[in-house]
Protein backbone atom coordinates (compact mmCIF):
# COMPACT_ATOMS: atom_id res chain seq x y z
CA UNK A 1 10.15 -32.99 -40.12
CA UNK A 2 12.99 -30.47 -39.68
CA UNK A 3 11.22 -28.10 -42.04
CA UNK A 4 7.97 -28.29 -40.06
CA UNK A 5 9.84 -27.51 -36.84
CA UNK A 6 11.42 -24.51 -38.53
CA UNK A 7 8.03 -23.31 -39.71
CA UNK A 8 6.63 -23.75 -36.20
CA UNK A 9 9.54 -21.77 -34.77
CA UNK A 10 8.92 -19.02 -37.30
CA UNK A 11 5.22 -18.85 -36.42
CA UNK A 12 5.99 -18.65 -32.69
CA UNK A 13 8.51 -15.88 -33.27
CA UNK A 14 5.92 -13.83 -35.13
CA UNK A 15 3.25 -14.07 -32.45
CA UNK A 16 2.30 -10.50 -31.48
CA UNK A 17 3.32 -9.17 -28.09
CA UNK A 18 0.70 -8.36 -25.46
CA UNK A 19 1.21 -4.65 -26.17
CA UNK A 20 0.65 -5.18 -29.90
CA UNK A 21 -2.39 -7.35 -29.25
CA UNK A 22 -3.95 -4.72 -26.97
CA UNK A 23 -3.30 -1.89 -29.43
CA UNK A 24 -4.79 -3.91 -32.29
CA UNK A 25 -7.96 -4.68 -30.32
CA UNK A 26 -8.29 -0.99 -29.37
CA UNK A 27 -8.09 -0.04 -33.03
CA UNK A 28 -10.82 -2.54 -33.87
CA UNK A 29 -13.23 -1.10 -31.28
CA UNK A 30 -14.16 1.96 -33.33
CA UNK A 31 -15.31 -0.24 -36.21
CA UNK A 32 -17.34 -2.61 -34.03
CA UNK A 33 -20.96 -2.74 -32.93
CA UNK A 34 -21.91 -2.27 -29.27
CA UNK A 35 -22.06 -6.01 -28.63
CA UNK A 36 -18.81 -6.62 -30.53
CA UNK A 37 -17.16 -3.93 -28.42
CA UNK A 38 -18.16 -5.72 -25.23
CA UNK A 39 -16.60 -8.95 -26.48
CA UNK A 40 -13.37 -7.24 -27.54
CA UNK A 41 -13.16 -5.36 -24.23
CA UNK A 42 -13.34 -8.69 -22.37
CA UNK A 43 -10.42 -9.90 -24.48
CA UNK A 44 -8.54 -6.65 -23.82
CA UNK A 45 -9.07 -7.01 -20.07
CA UNK A 46 -7.73 -10.56 -20.17
CA UNK A 47 -4.68 -9.26 -22.07
CA UNK A 48 -4.02 -6.59 -19.41
CA UNK A 49 -3.98 -9.25 -16.67
CA UNK A 50 -1.09 -11.02 -18.42
CA UNK A 51 1.11 -7.90 -18.67
CA UNK A 52 4.15 -7.23 -16.57
CA UNK A 53 5.01 -3.71 -15.41
CA UNK A 54 7.18 -2.92 -18.43
CA UNK A 55 4.50 -4.01 -20.88
CA UNK A 56 1.79 -2.15 -18.97
CA UNK A 57 3.76 1.10 -18.99
CA UNK A 58 4.54 0.79 -22.70
CA UNK A 59 0.84 0.39 -23.57
CA UNK A 60 -0.89 2.91 -21.33
CA UNK A 61 0.58 6.16 -22.56
CA UNK A 62 -0.88 9.65 -22.85
CA UNK A 63 -1.47 8.92 -26.55
CA UNK A 64 -3.57 5.85 -25.76
CA UNK A 65 -5.74 7.73 -23.27
CA UNK A 66 -6.16 10.54 -25.79
CA UNK A 67 -7.21 7.98 -28.40
CA UNK A 68 -9.93 6.64 -26.05
CA UNK A 69 -11.15 10.21 -25.40
CA UNK A 70 -11.36 10.85 -29.13
CA UNK A 71 -13.34 7.64 -29.68
CA UNK A 72 -15.80 8.70 -26.95
CA UNK A 73 -16.16 12.19 -28.44
CA UNK A 74 -16.75 10.80 -31.92
CA UNK A 75 -19.25 8.29 -30.50
CA UNK A 76 -17.19 5.39 -31.80
CA UNK A 77 -16.98 4.01 -28.23
CA UNK A 78 -19.89 4.26 -25.81
CA UNK A 79 -19.13 5.81 -22.42
CA UNK A 80 -20.43 2.66 -20.68
CA UNK A 81 -18.02 0.43 -22.60
CA UNK A 82 -15.19 2.92 -22.14
CA UNK A 83 -15.69 2.88 -18.38
CA UNK A 84 -15.69 -0.94 -18.25
CA UNK A 85 -12.38 -0.84 -20.09
CA UNK A 86 -10.86 1.94 -17.98
CA UNK A 87 -12.01 0.58 -14.61
CA UNK A 88 -10.31 -2.72 -15.32
CA UNK A 89 -7.09 -0.95 -16.31
CA UNK A 90 -7.27 1.14 -13.12
CA UNK A 91 -8.00 -1.86 -10.91
CA UNK A 92 -5.06 -3.79 -12.39
CA UNK A 93 -2.89 -0.67 -12.07
CA UNK A 94 -3.62 -0.40 -8.33
CA UNK A 95 -3.61 -4.12 -7.62
CA UNK A 96 -0.07 -4.48 -8.93
CA UNK A 97 1.32 -1.19 -7.71
CA UNK A 98 1.94 0.13 -11.21
CA UNK A 99 2.40 3.87 -11.01
CA UNK A 100 1.22 5.11 -14.40
CA UNK A 101 1.23 8.91 -14.49
CA UNK A 102 0.12 9.37 -18.09
CA UNK A 103 -3.59 9.49 -17.26
CA UNK A 104 -3.10 12.67 -15.18
CA UNK A 105 -1.71 14.52 -18.18
CA UNK A 106 -4.26 13.31 -20.69
CA UNK A 107 -7.32 15.07 -22.06
CA UNK A 108 -9.30 11.98 -21.05
CA UNK A 109 -8.69 12.82 -17.38
CA UNK A 110 -10.13 16.32 -17.87
CA UNK A 111 -13.05 14.89 -19.84
CA UNK A 112 -14.02 12.42 -17.08
CA UNK A 113 -13.75 15.04 -14.35
CA UNK A 114 -16.04 17.39 -16.30
CA UNK A 115 -18.52 14.54 -16.69
CA UNK A 116 -18.56 14.00 -12.91
CA UNK A 117 -19.22 17.69 -12.26
CA UNK A 118 -21.91 17.97 -14.97
CA UNK A 119 -23.76 14.83 -13.85
CA UNK A 120 -23.58 15.84 -10.19
CA UNK A 121 -24.97 19.32 -11.02
CA UNK A 122 -28.14 17.93 -12.58
CA UNK A 123 -31.19 18.98 -10.59
CA UNK A 124 -32.96 15.72 -11.40
CA UNK A 125 -32.34 12.50 -13.28
CA UNK A 126 -28.80 11.96 -12.04
CA UNK A 127 -27.27 8.69 -13.22
CA UNK A 128 -25.64 7.51 -9.97
CA UNK A 129 -24.20 4.34 -11.51
CA UNK A 130 -22.45 6.45 -14.14
CA UNK A 131 -21.21 8.81 -11.43
CA UNK A 132 -19.81 5.96 -9.34
CA UNK A 133 -18.05 4.44 -12.36
CA UNK A 134 -16.56 7.81 -13.27
CA UNK A 135 -15.41 8.41 -9.68
CA UNK A 136 -13.74 4.99 -9.49
CA UNK A 137 -11.91 5.55 -12.78
CA UNK A 138 -10.69 8.95 -11.61
CA UNK A 139 -8.65 7.53 -8.73
CA UNK A 140 -7.88 3.97 -9.78
CA UNK A 141 -6.11 5.34 -12.87
CA UNK A 142 -4.08 7.56 -10.52
CA UNK A 143 -5.27 11.14 -10.71
CA UNK A 144 -3.21 13.41 -8.51
CA UNK A 145 -4.65 16.60 -9.95
CA UNK A 146 -8.13 16.31 -8.46
CA UNK A 147 -9.34 19.44 -6.66
CA UNK A 148 -10.54 19.24 -3.05
CA UNK A 149 -14.02 20.24 -4.23
CA UNK A 150 -14.16 17.37 -6.72
CA UNK A 151 -12.71 14.95 -4.14
CA UNK A 152 -15.64 15.77 -1.84
CA UNK A 153 -18.11 14.91 -4.62
CA UNK A 154 -16.29 11.65 -5.37
CA UNK A 155 -16.19 10.61 -1.70
CA UNK A 156 -19.95 11.20 -1.41
CA UNK A 157 -20.81 8.81 -4.26
CA UNK A 158 -18.19 6.16 -3.49
CA UNK A 159 -19.36 5.99 0.12
CA UNK A 160 -22.91 5.35 -1.10
CA UNK A 161 -21.64 2.40 -3.11
CA UNK A 162 -19.45 1.11 -0.27
CA UNK A 163 -22.34 1.08 2.22
CA UNK A 164 -24.27 -1.61 0.33
CA UNK A 165 -24.68 -4.78 2.39
CA UNK A 166 -26.40 -7.23 0.03
CA UNK A 167 -24.71 -10.63 0.02
CA UNK A 168 -24.65 -11.36 -3.73
CA UNK A 169 -21.31 -11.41 -5.57
CA UNK A 170 -22.13 -8.49 -7.86
CA UNK A 171 -22.78 -6.13 -4.92
CA UNK A 172 -19.68 -7.38 -3.10
CA UNK A 173 -17.61 -6.52 -6.16
CA UNK A 174 -19.19 -3.04 -6.31
CA UNK A 175 -18.30 -2.47 -2.65
CA UNK A 176 -14.74 -3.68 -3.24
CA UNK A 177 -14.27 -1.37 -6.23
CA UNK A 178 -15.66 1.62 -4.32
CA UNK A 179 -13.46 1.09 -1.25
CA UNK A 180 -10.45 0.25 -3.41
CA UNK A 181 -10.87 3.58 -5.20
CA UNK A 182 -11.39 5.42 -1.89
CA UNK A 183 -8.13 3.96 -0.58
CA UNK A 184 -6.33 5.69 -3.45
CA UNK A 185 -7.48 9.17 -2.45
CA UNK A 186 -4.41 11.03 -1.25
CA UNK A 187 -3.84 13.54 1.51
CA UNK A 188 -6.77 15.82 0.73
CA UNK A 189 -8.59 17.52 3.60
CA UNK A 190 -12.12 16.12 3.52
CA UNK A 191 -14.98 17.19 5.77
CA UNK A 192 -15.61 14.40 8.30
CA UNK A 193 -19.34 14.72 7.73
CA UNK A 194 -18.82 13.21 4.28
CA UNK A 195 -17.21 9.99 5.43
CA UNK A 196 -16.68 9.38 9.15
CA UNK A 197 -20.03 7.86 10.16
CA UNK A 198 -20.09 5.86 6.93
CA UNK A 199 -16.60 4.40 7.22
CA UNK A 200 -17.20 3.58 10.89
CA UNK A 201 -20.38 1.75 9.93
CA UNK A 202 -18.55 -0.22 7.20
CA UNK A 203 -15.73 -1.27 9.56
CA UNK A 204 -18.00 -2.11 12.52
CA UNK A 205 -20.43 -4.07 10.33
CA UNK A 206 -17.55 -6.17 8.99
CA UNK A 207 -16.21 -6.77 12.50
CA UNK A 208 -19.59 -8.25 13.40
CA UNK A 209 -20.63 -9.96 10.14
CA UNK A 210 -17.35 -10.55 8.22
CA UNK A 211 -18.98 -9.47 4.96
CA UNK A 212 -15.91 -7.97 3.23
CA UNK A 213 -12.96 -9.58 1.49
CA UNK A 214 -9.55 -9.01 3.07
CA UNK A 215 -8.62 -6.57 0.31
CA UNK A 216 -11.87 -4.62 0.76
CA UNK A 217 -11.48 -4.43 4.54
CA UNK A 218 -7.88 -3.31 4.25
CA UNK A 219 -8.94 -0.62 1.76
CA UNK A 220 -11.45 0.78 4.27
CA UNK A 221 -8.70 1.08 6.88
CA UNK A 222 -6.25 2.63 4.43
CA UNK A 223 -8.77 5.34 3.49
CA UNK A 224 -9.31 6.13 7.18
CA UNK A 225 -5.63 6.16 8.16
CA UNK A 226 -4.82 8.60 5.36
CA UNK A 227 -7.56 10.88 6.69
CA UNK A 228 -5.95 10.58 10.15
CA UNK A 229 -2.72 11.94 8.66
CA UNK A 230 -4.56 15.21 7.98
CA UNK A 231 -6.85 15.17 11.04
CA UNK A 232 -5.33 14.04 14.34
CA UNK A 233 -8.72 14.20 16.08
CA UNK A 234 -9.49 10.83 14.47
CA UNK A 235 -6.90 9.04 16.60
CA UNK A 236 -9.21 8.15 19.50
CA UNK A 237 -11.85 6.82 17.06
CA UNK A 238 -9.30 4.68 15.24
CA UNK A 239 -7.51 3.47 18.34
CA UNK A 240 -10.28 2.90 20.88
CA UNK A 241 -13.60 2.78 19.04
CA UNK A 242 -12.58 0.80 15.95
CA UNK A 243 -9.63 -1.03 17.59
CA UNK A 244 -7.11 -0.52 14.82
CA UNK A 245 -4.25 -2.39 16.50
CA UNK A 246 -6.41 -5.42 17.34
CA UNK A 247 -7.77 -5.64 13.80
CA UNK A 248 -4.38 -5.19 12.14
CA UNK A 249 -2.86 -7.88 14.39
CA UNK A 250 -5.61 -10.37 13.51
CA UNK A 251 -5.39 -9.68 9.78
CA UNK A 252 -1.60 -9.91 9.64
CA UNK A 253 -1.49 -13.07 11.78
CA UNK A 254 -4.10 -14.88 9.67
CA UNK A 255 -2.53 -13.77 6.39
CA UNK A 256 0.98 -14.73 7.52
CA UNK A 257 -0.18 -18.25 8.43
CA UNK A 258 -2.14 -18.65 5.20
CA UNK A 259 0.64 -17.69 2.75
CA UNK A 260 3.19 -20.30 1.66
CA UNK A 261 6.29 -18.14 2.04
CA UNK A 262 8.54 -20.77 0.45
CA UNK A 263 7.10 -19.86 -2.95
CA UNK A 264 8.05 -16.78 -4.92
CA UNK A 265 5.06 -14.75 -6.13
CA UNK A 266 5.40 -16.05 -9.70
CA UNK A 267 4.82 -19.60 -8.40
CA UNK A 268 1.81 -18.72 -6.25
CA UNK A 269 -1.81 -19.26 -7.11
CA UNK A 270 -3.87 -16.15 -7.82
CA UNK A 271 -5.45 -16.41 -4.35
CA UNK A 272 -2.04 -16.64 -2.62
CA UNK A 273 -0.66 -13.72 -4.64
CA UNK A 274 -3.68 -11.62 -3.65
CA UNK A 275 -3.07 -12.38 0.04
CA UNK A 276 0.57 -11.28 -0.33
CA UNK A 277 -0.72 -8.08 -1.92
CA UNK A 278 -2.97 -7.45 1.10
CA UNK A 279 -0.02 -7.97 3.48
CA UNK A 280 2.01 -5.47 1.48
CA UNK A 281 -0.86 -2.97 1.67
CA UNK A 282 -1.25 -3.49 5.44
CA UNK A 283 2.46 -2.74 5.97
CA UNK A 284 2.05 0.42 3.90
CA UNK A 285 -1.01 1.44 5.92
CA UNK A 286 0.86 0.91 9.20
CA UNK A 287 3.67 3.10 7.91
CA UNK A 288 1.18 5.91 7.22
CA UNK A 289 -0.35 5.47 10.66
CA UNK A 290 2.88 5.41 12.62
CA UNK A 291 4.26 8.42 10.79
CA UNK A 292 1.87 10.57 12.87
CA UNK A 293 0.67 8.39 15.76
CA UNK A 294 1.26 9.66 19.29
CA UNK A 295 -0.89 7.33 21.41
CA UNK A 296 0.82 4.13 22.57
CA UNK A 297 -0.49 1.18 24.52
CA UNK A 298 0.18 -2.52 25.07
CA UNK A 299 -1.67 -3.49 21.87
CA UNK A 300 1.19 -1.99 19.91
CA UNK A 301 3.64 -4.53 21.30
CA UNK A 302 1.44 -7.23 19.74
CA UNK A 303 1.20 -5.25 16.51
CA UNK A 304 4.95 -4.94 16.21
CA UNK A 305 5.23 -8.63 17.04
CA UNK A 306 3.01 -9.35 14.01
CA UNK A 307 5.21 -7.16 11.80
CA UNK A 308 8.27 -9.04 13.05
CA UNK A 309 6.65 -12.37 12.10
CA UNK A 310 5.99 -11.06 8.58
CA UNK A 311 9.59 -9.77 8.48
CA UNK A 312 10.99 -13.20 9.33
CA UNK A 313 8.63 -15.08 7.00
CA UNK A 314 9.24 -12.86 3.97
CA UNK A 315 13.03 -12.69 4.08
CA UNK A 316 13.76 -15.61 1.72
CA UNK A 317 11.49 -14.98 -1.24
CA UNK A 318 9.70 -11.67 -0.73
CA UNK A 319 12.40 -9.02 -0.42
CA UNK A 320 10.06 -6.09 -1.04
CA UNK A 321 7.85 -6.97 1.94
CA UNK A 322 10.92 -7.87 4.00
CA UNK A 323 12.44 -4.42 3.41
CA UNK A 324 9.10 -2.64 3.93
CA UNK A 325 8.89 -4.22 7.40
CA UNK A 326 12.20 -2.78 8.53
CA UNK A 327 11.23 0.58 6.97
CA UNK A 328 8.15 0.47 9.19
CA UNK A 329 10.16 -0.33 12.34
CA UNK A 330 12.50 2.58 11.61
CA UNK A 331 9.60 4.96 10.95
CA UNK A 332 7.88 4.00 14.20
CA UNK A 333 11.11 4.34 16.17
CA UNK A 334 12.03 7.70 14.67
CA UNK A 335 8.52 9.16 15.04
CA UNK A 336 8.28 7.80 18.62
CA UNK A 337 5.16 5.81 17.83
CA UNK A 338 6.61 2.90 19.78
CA UNK A 339 8.39 2.79 23.11
CA UNK A 340 11.83 1.21 23.09
CA UNK A 341 10.67 -1.43 25.55
CA UNK A 342 7.96 -2.31 23.01
CA UNK A 343 10.61 -2.91 20.35
CA UNK A 344 12.36 -5.27 22.76
CA UNK A 345 9.23 -7.15 23.82
CA UNK A 346 7.98 -7.53 20.23
CA UNK A 347 11.26 -9.15 19.16
CA UNK A 348 11.99 -6.41 16.62
CA UNK A 349 15.52 -5.69 17.83
CA UNK A 350 16.33 -9.41 18.03
CA UNK A 351 15.11 -9.97 14.47
CA UNK A 352 17.21 -7.15 12.99
CA UNK A 353 20.28 -8.14 14.98
CA UNK A 354 19.95 -11.69 13.64
CA UNK A 355 19.76 -10.42 10.08
CA UNK A 356 22.83 -8.24 10.27
CA UNK A 357 24.91 -11.29 11.27
CA UNK A 358 24.36 -12.82 7.82
CA UNK A 359 27.60 -13.00 5.85
CA UNK A 360 25.74 -11.96 2.67
CA UNK A 361 23.41 -8.98 2.99
CA UNK A 362 22.30 -6.53 0.37
CA UNK A 363 23.18 -2.86 0.82
CA UNK A 364 19.58 -1.94 1.62
CA UNK A 365 19.41 -4.33 4.57
CA UNK A 366 22.77 -3.19 5.96
CA UNK A 367 21.77 0.45 5.61
CA UNK A 368 18.35 -0.02 7.21
CA UNK A 369 19.68 -2.14 10.08
CA UNK A 370 22.29 0.47 10.93
CA UNK A 371 19.64 3.18 10.74
CA UNK A 372 17.44 1.33 13.22
CA UNK A 373 20.30 0.83 15.68
CA UNK A 374 21.22 4.50 15.37
CA UNK A 375 17.60 5.62 16.01
CA UNK A 376 17.27 3.36 19.08
CA UNK A 377 20.60 4.51 20.44
CA UNK A 378 19.82 8.21 19.91
CA UNK A 379 16.60 7.85 21.91
CA UNK A 380 18.40 6.32 24.86
CA UNK A 381 21.82 7.92 24.82
CA UNK A 382 22.26 10.90 27.12
CA UNK A 383 18.67 12.12 26.89
CA UNK A 384 15.46 11.81 28.88
CA UNK A 385 13.57 8.73 27.77
CA UNK A 386 10.34 9.83 26.07
CA UNK A 387 8.34 7.05 27.70
CA UNK A 388 7.76 9.32 30.74
CA UNK A 389 5.92 12.61 30.70
CA UNK A 390 7.51 14.55 33.53
CA UNK A 391 9.98 17.27 32.68
CA UNK A 392 12.12 16.35 35.66
CA UNK A 393 13.10 12.75 36.23
CA UNK A 394 13.07 11.50 39.79
CA UNK A 395 15.30 8.68 40.97
CA UNK A 396 12.72 5.96 40.26
CA UNK A 397 12.29 7.13 36.68
CA UNK A 398 16.04 7.38 36.18
CA UNK A 399 16.33 3.82 37.42
CA UNK A 400 13.72 2.70 34.86
CA UNK A 401 15.62 4.42 32.08
CA UNK A 402 18.88 2.81 33.12
CA UNK A 403 17.22 -0.61 33.31
CA UNK A 404 15.88 -0.15 29.79
CA UNK A 405 19.30 0.92 28.53
CA UNK A 406 20.77 -2.16 30.21
CA UNK A 407 18.35 -4.43 28.31
CA UNK A 408 19.30 -2.91 24.98
CA UNK A 409 22.99 -2.92 25.90
CA UNK A 410 22.87 -6.61 26.73
CA UNK A 411 21.29 -7.36 23.35
CA UNK A 412 24.00 -5.39 21.55
CA UNK A 413 26.73 -7.07 23.60
CA UNK A 414 25.83 -10.63 22.57
CA UNK A 415 28.42 -10.88 19.82
CA UNK A 416 26.81 -8.31 17.55
CA UNK A 417 29.18 -5.41 18.19
CA UNK A 418 31.96 -6.84 16.04
CA UNK A 419 29.49 -7.58 13.24
CA UNK A 420 28.11 -4.03 13.22
CA UNK A 421 31.58 -2.53 13.52
CA UNK A 422 32.67 -4.53 10.45
CA UNK A 423 30.34 -2.42 8.31
CA UNK A 424 32.09 0.83 9.31
CA UNK A 425 34.04 1.13 6.05
CA UNK A 426 30.82 0.82 4.04
CA UNK A 427 28.99 3.68 5.75
CA UNK A 428 30.35 6.39 3.48
CA UNK A 429 29.34 4.36 0.40
CA UNK A 430 25.86 3.70 1.83
CA UNK A 431 25.34 7.39 2.58
CA UNK A 432 26.19 8.28 -1.01
CA UNK A 433 23.94 5.54 -2.36
CA UNK A 434 20.88 6.34 -0.23
CA UNK A 435 21.37 10.11 0.24
CA UNK A 436 20.96 9.81 3.98
CA UNK A 437 23.06 10.46 7.05
CA UNK A 438 24.35 7.36 8.75
CA UNK A 439 26.81 8.42 11.42
CA UNK A 440 30.49 7.81 10.71
CA UNK A 441 31.03 7.42 14.46
CA UNK A 442 30.44 3.71 15.06
CA UNK A 443 29.72 4.36 18.76
CA UNK A 444 26.46 6.03 17.69
CA UNK A 445 25.05 2.58 16.90
CA UNK A 446 25.48 1.26 20.44
CA UNK A 447 23.94 2.00 23.82
CA UNK A 448 26.29 2.73 26.69
CA UNK A 449 25.12 2.10 30.24
C-alpha cells in the first residue's frame, strides 16, 4: 500500500505544467490535419484559461509568436485556425489585465498588419470575416505600434461587426469581441466620421433594448471616453446626449449589489469574477474621463457616491479595486472634475477619513489618503474657489467659500487631526517609495477657516 502511494506521488510530481502542456500541443499542431488542429486548439484554449499571470507570461514570448508565424508561412497552420488560437489568447490577455508586450516585437505582429492592409486594398472579393478577426487580434494581443492609418481601417471593420443586432448567441459574442477590441485602442486621433454615429447608435440601442452584456456595454463606453481624451468636443455628446453619469451610476450600483464582496476573487464563480472585472474596468474608464472633464453637474455627486460605495465594499477582499477608487477620487479632485462640495455630499471625504483611522493601513492607503487631503486643502486654502466663474469675488461668493471651508474644517476636526498628524514621520519614507511630493508641512493637509 505504501509503495502504491509512493508511485502515485511520483506520477503527480511528473505531471506537466500548464506551460509545458501548451508548448507540447503547439508543437503537435504542425503535424496534425485541419480537423485535428481544431481539436487541439480547443484544448490549448482551455489550458490558457487555467493559467495565472506568471504562467501566461512565461508561455507567450516573442519566440512563441514567431513560431506561429513560421507555421502560417509554411502552411503547417491555417490562418483561420491560427486566428481562433490568437483571438482566444488576446481575449484572455485583456480579460485578466495581463500586459504581454512580446506580440508587439514579433514578426507575427507585422505579418498580421500586412494581411489587414492587403485584404482591405482588394478592389473586390474582400473577406470581411477575415479582416474582422485580424483586426481583433491586432489589439487584443496588445499592439501599441499600430499606425493611425491602420487604426482607421481597423475601426471601420470593428464598428461594422459591433453594429449587428441579431439576438442569437453567436452574433452577441461577435459584437462583444469587436467592442472589446475597440476598447483596447489607445489614444490615437480618429476621424469622428468613422465611429461617432455608430457608437452612439450602439449605446442608445442598448439603453432602450438592453441587448449587450455588461462587459460589452462597458467596452463601448471605454472606447468613447478614450476618444474624448483626444477630442474635447465630444463632451456634450457624452454628458447630455448619452447620459454618461446616469449610465455609469446605474451600472456601478447594480454590479455592487450583485457581487458578494465577502469572497476573494479565487473563491468566486466565473460569473461573479466577470462582474468584478467589469467594475474594475468602469473605475478605469471613470479615471480616463475625469482626467480631462471640465463640465460638472449634480449627476456627478451621485456618480461619486457610487464610487464611494464600491470603495467601502471592496476594502476587505479586493484591495486593487479599493485602491483604484481612491486613485479616482484624487484624480478628479486634482483635475477639478468635481467640486469640493460634491466630494462632501457624495461621502468621499467621510469614507477616506474613516479609513485613515485604522490602526493597520498599508503604505499605499496612507499615501493616497494624505494626497487627497492635501489636494482638497490646496483648492480651498487661500485661493479663489474654482466653483465660481467670476474673476472677482463679491461678498456673497466669499461667504459661500467660507461656508464650504467650514464644512471641510468640521470634518477634519472630528478627531482626525491627531490621526493624520501621527503619519508625519512617515511622509519622507512615502515620498521616496512613491516618487511623489507629499508636503512635509502637516498643516498642508488641513483646512483653516
